[in-house]
Amino acid sequence: MALGKNYDGQECSLAKALEIIGERWTLLVVRDAMYGVRRFGDFQAHLDIPRAVLSQRLAALVDAGVLERRRYQESPPRDEYVLTPMGRELWGIVLSLSHWGERHLTSAGPRRVFTHAACGTVLEPSSRCPTCQVQVPVGDVEVRPGPGLERSRHDQVSLALLEPHRMLTPISV
């Protein structure tokens, strides 16, 4: 029996949210957009995702209002994908899931360390800065390699992320 594509009959906001972000690859696309990935080829190279799947996930995220498609070149036409305010609100979920995975699924330490760009303090799983006592939005976060990062990937995005990088700032590749 094939699984359904939605949660018809569920009177639940979580079920509605999962219809948008619950498919395999989707949160990784959102995570990469937070890292500053904007171009189709960069998403594909960093995620090792099939073209057809990436096209489908990007289109679904644009349709849902999580990403915005912006033209950056006319000839030939090329677009980039930028998080909308709705998409940026997923920051807390992405960070919390990352911390959960580090606590329960790895022993090498965090692969990425997220700090408050203003003071350099490592964020709590809730994106709160314990030094400044503020909730830190994704645009005020710096990501850097952590001790658990395996440096086996050599795509341009992975190489760019070996340096401290402000979240949402486009990755130059």
Protein backbone atom coordinates (compact mmCIF):
# COMPACT_ATOMS: atom_id res chain seq x y z
CA MET A 1 0.00 0.00 0.00
CA ALA A 2 1.45 3.34 -1.07
CA LEU A 3 1.80 6.14 1.44
CA GLY A 4 -0.38 9.18 0.92
CA LYS A 5 1.12 12.54 -0.02
CA ASN A 6 -0.73 14.56 2.60
CA TYR A 7 -2.44 14.33 5.97
CA ASP A 8 -6.06 14.76 4.92
CA GLY A 9 -8.34 14.36 7.88
CA GLN A 10 -5.73 15.45 10.41
CA GLU A 11 -6.87 18.48 12.38
CA CYS A 12 -3.35 19.35 13.43
CA SER A 13 -1.01 22.24 12.67
CA LEU A 14 1.99 19.89 12.84
CA ALA A 15 0.46 17.74 10.08
CA LYS A 16 -0.06 20.86 7.94
CA ALA A 17 3.55 21.93 8.51
CA LEU A 18 4.83 18.46 7.62
CA GLU A 19 3.04 18.67 4.28
CA ILE A 20 5.47 21.48 3.43
CA ILE A 21 8.70 20.62 5.24
CA GLY A 22 8.30 16.94 6.08
CA GLU A 23 9.54 15.31 2.89
CA ARG A 24 13.04 13.92 2.67
CA TRP A 25 15.58 16.56 1.57
CA THR A 26 13.31 19.54 2.30
CA LEU A 27 14.82 20.64 5.60
CA LEU A 28 18.31 20.13 4.17
CA VAL A 29 17.42 22.50 1.32
CA VAL A 30 16.17 25.00 3.91
CA ARG A 31 19.32 24.50 6.01
CA ASP A 32 21.52 25.16 2.98
CA ALA A 33 19.51 28.29 2.15
CA MET A 34 20.23 29.47 5.70
CA TYR A 35 23.94 28.79 5.09
CA GLY A 36 23.70 31.15 2.11
CA VAL A 37 23.30 28.66 -0.73
CA ARG A 38 21.10 30.25 -3.40
CA ARG A 39 21.79 28.63 -6.75
CA PHE A 40 20.42 25.35 -8.04
CA GLY A 41 23.83 23.91 -8.93
CA ASP A 42 25.22 24.75 -5.50
CA PHE A 43 22.28 23.07 -3.72
CA GLN A 44 22.73 20.03 -5.93
CA ALA A 45 26.50 19.78 -5.42
CA HIS A 46 26.36 20.24 -1.65
CA LEU A 47 23.42 17.91 -1.05
CA ASP A 48 24.18 15.24 -3.69
CA ILE A 49 20.48 15.37 -4.49
CA PRO A 50 19.01 14.22 -7.82
CA ARG A 51 18.11 17.14 -10.13
CA ALA A 52 14.46 16.12 -10.41
CA VAL A 53 14.06 15.86 -6.63
CA LEU A 54 15.75 19.22 -6.07
CA SER A 55 13.56 20.87 -8.72
CA GLN A 56 10.47 19.46 -7.04
CA ARG A 57 11.55 20.52 -3.52
CA LEU A 58 12.49 24.04 -4.61
CA ALA A 59 9.20 24.48 -6.48
CA ALA A 60 7.21 23.23 -3.48
CA LEU A 61 9.06 25.58 -1.11
CA VAL A 62 8.46 28.52 -3.46
CA ASP A 63 4.77 27.61 -3.81
CA ALA A 64 4.44 27.39 -0.02
CA GLY A 65 6.12 30.78 0.50
CA VAL A 66 9.22 29.43 2.27
CA LEU A 67 11.57 30.44 -0.55
CA GLU A 68 11.40 33.22 -3.11
CA ARG A 69 12.73 32.75 -6.62
CA ARG A 70 14.76 35.73 -7.86
CA ARG A 71 16.25 36.29 -11.30
CA TYR A 72 19.96 37.09 -11.09
CA GLN A 73 20.82 36.74 -14.79
CA GLU A 74 18.77 37.39 -17.92
CA SER A 75 20.78 35.72 -20.65
CA PRO A 76 20.59 32.84 -20.22
CA PRO A 77 17.86 33.19 -17.59
CA ARG A 78 19.06 32.07 -14.17
CA ASP A 79 17.31 32.26 -10.82
CA GLU A 80 18.38 31.99 -7.22
CA TYR A 81 16.37 30.92 -4.19
CA VAL A 82 16.19 33.13 -1.12
CA LEU A 83 14.46 32.45 2.19
CA THR A 84 11.36 34.52 2.86
CA PRO A 85 10.48 35.71 6.38
CA MET A 86 8.36 32.55 6.64
CA GLY A 87 11.40 30.45 5.72
CA ARG A 88 13.67 32.26 8.16
CA GLU A 89 11.23 31.35 10.94
CA LEU A 90 12.35 27.73 10.47
CA TRP A 91 15.76 28.62 11.97
CA GLY A 92 14.82 27.45 15.47
CA ILE A 93 13.61 24.10 14.13
CA VAL A 94 16.75 23.55 12.06
CA LEU A 95 19.01 24.47 14.99
CA SER A 96 17.08 22.35 17.49
CA LEU A 97 17.12 19.30 15.22
CA SER A 98 20.85 19.76 14.64
CA HIS A 99 21.49 19.85 18.38
CA TRP A 100 19.25 16.82 18.91
CA GLY A 101 21.22 14.89 16.28
CA GLU A 102 24.50 15.87 17.92
CA ARG A 103 23.31 14.72 21.34
CA HIS A 104 21.87 11.40 20.22
CA LEU A 105 23.41 10.37 16.90
CA THR A 106 27.09 11.32 16.97
CA SER A 107 29.93 11.03 19.42
CA ALA A 108 32.50 13.16 17.58
CA GLY A 109 31.05 16.49 18.69
CA PRO A 110 29.13 19.08 16.71
CA ARG A 111 29.76 19.26 12.98
CA ARG A 112 28.87 22.94 12.94
CA VAL A 113 29.04 25.50 15.73
CA PHE A 114 26.56 28.37 15.71
CA THR A 115 27.53 31.55 17.53
CA HIS A 116 26.01 34.96 18.13
CA ALA A 117 27.86 37.14 15.62
CA ALA A 118 27.73 40.15 17.96
CA CYS A 119 29.58 38.53 20.87
CA GLY A 120 30.92 35.15 19.67
CA THR A 121 29.02 33.09 22.25
CA VAL A 122 27.84 29.62 21.24
CA LEU A 123 24.05 29.56 20.99
CA GLU A 124 21.77 27.36 23.04
CA PRO A 125 19.61 24.85 21.08
CA SER A 126 16.76 27.39 21.25
CA SER A 127 18.94 30.03 19.46
CA ARG A 128 19.25 32.02 22.66
CA CYS A 129 22.55 33.73 23.44
CA PRO A 130 23.41 32.99 27.08
CA THR A 131 25.74 36.01 27.27
CA CYS A 132 23.46 38.66 25.77
CA GLN A 133 20.24 37.04 27.03
CA VAL A 134 18.53 37.49 23.64
CA GLN A 135 16.91 35.23 21.08
CA VAL A 136 19.24 35.40 18.08
CA PRO A 137 17.66 35.52 14.61
CA VAL A 138 19.31 33.52 11.84
CA GLY A 139 20.79 36.62 10.19
CA ASP A 140 22.77 37.38 13.36
CA VAL A 141 24.34 33.91 13.58
CA GLU A 142 27.80 32.87 12.48
CA VAL A 143 28.45 29.25 11.51
CA ARG A 144 31.87 27.64 11.72
CA PRO A 145 33.22 24.11 11.50
CA GLY A 146 32.93 22.08 14.69
CA PRO A 147 35.16 19.33 16.04
CA GLY A 148 32.91 16.60 14.62
CA LEU A 149 33.03 17.84 11.04
CA GLU A 150 34.50 15.27 8.69
CA ARG A 151 36.32 17.18 5.99
CA SER A 152 35.68 14.57 3.32
CA ARG A 153 33.48 16.74 1.08
CA HIS A 154 35.15 18.88 -1.56
CA ASP A 155 32.27 20.64 -3.31
CA GLN A 156 32.50 24.44 -3.40
CA VAL A 157 29.84 24.97 -0.71
CA SER A 158 31.54 22.58 1.73
CA LEU A 159 34.87 24.28 1.13
CA ALA A 160 33.34 27.74 1.65
CA LEU A 161 31.78 26.55 4.93
CA LEU A 162 35.21 25.67 6.31
CA GLU A 163 35.58 29.38 7.07
CA PRO A 164 33.39 31.24 9.60
CA HIS A 165 30.37 32.50 7.71
CA ARG A 166 27.43 34.70 8.62
CA MET A 167 24.15 32.85 8.05
CA LEU A 168 22.00 34.06 5.11
CA THR A 169 25.04 35.74 3.52
CA PRO A 170 25.33 34.35 -0.02
CA ILE A 171 28.10 31.82 -0.39
CA SER A 172 30.45 32.87 -3.17
CA VAL A 173 31.35 29.85 -5.27
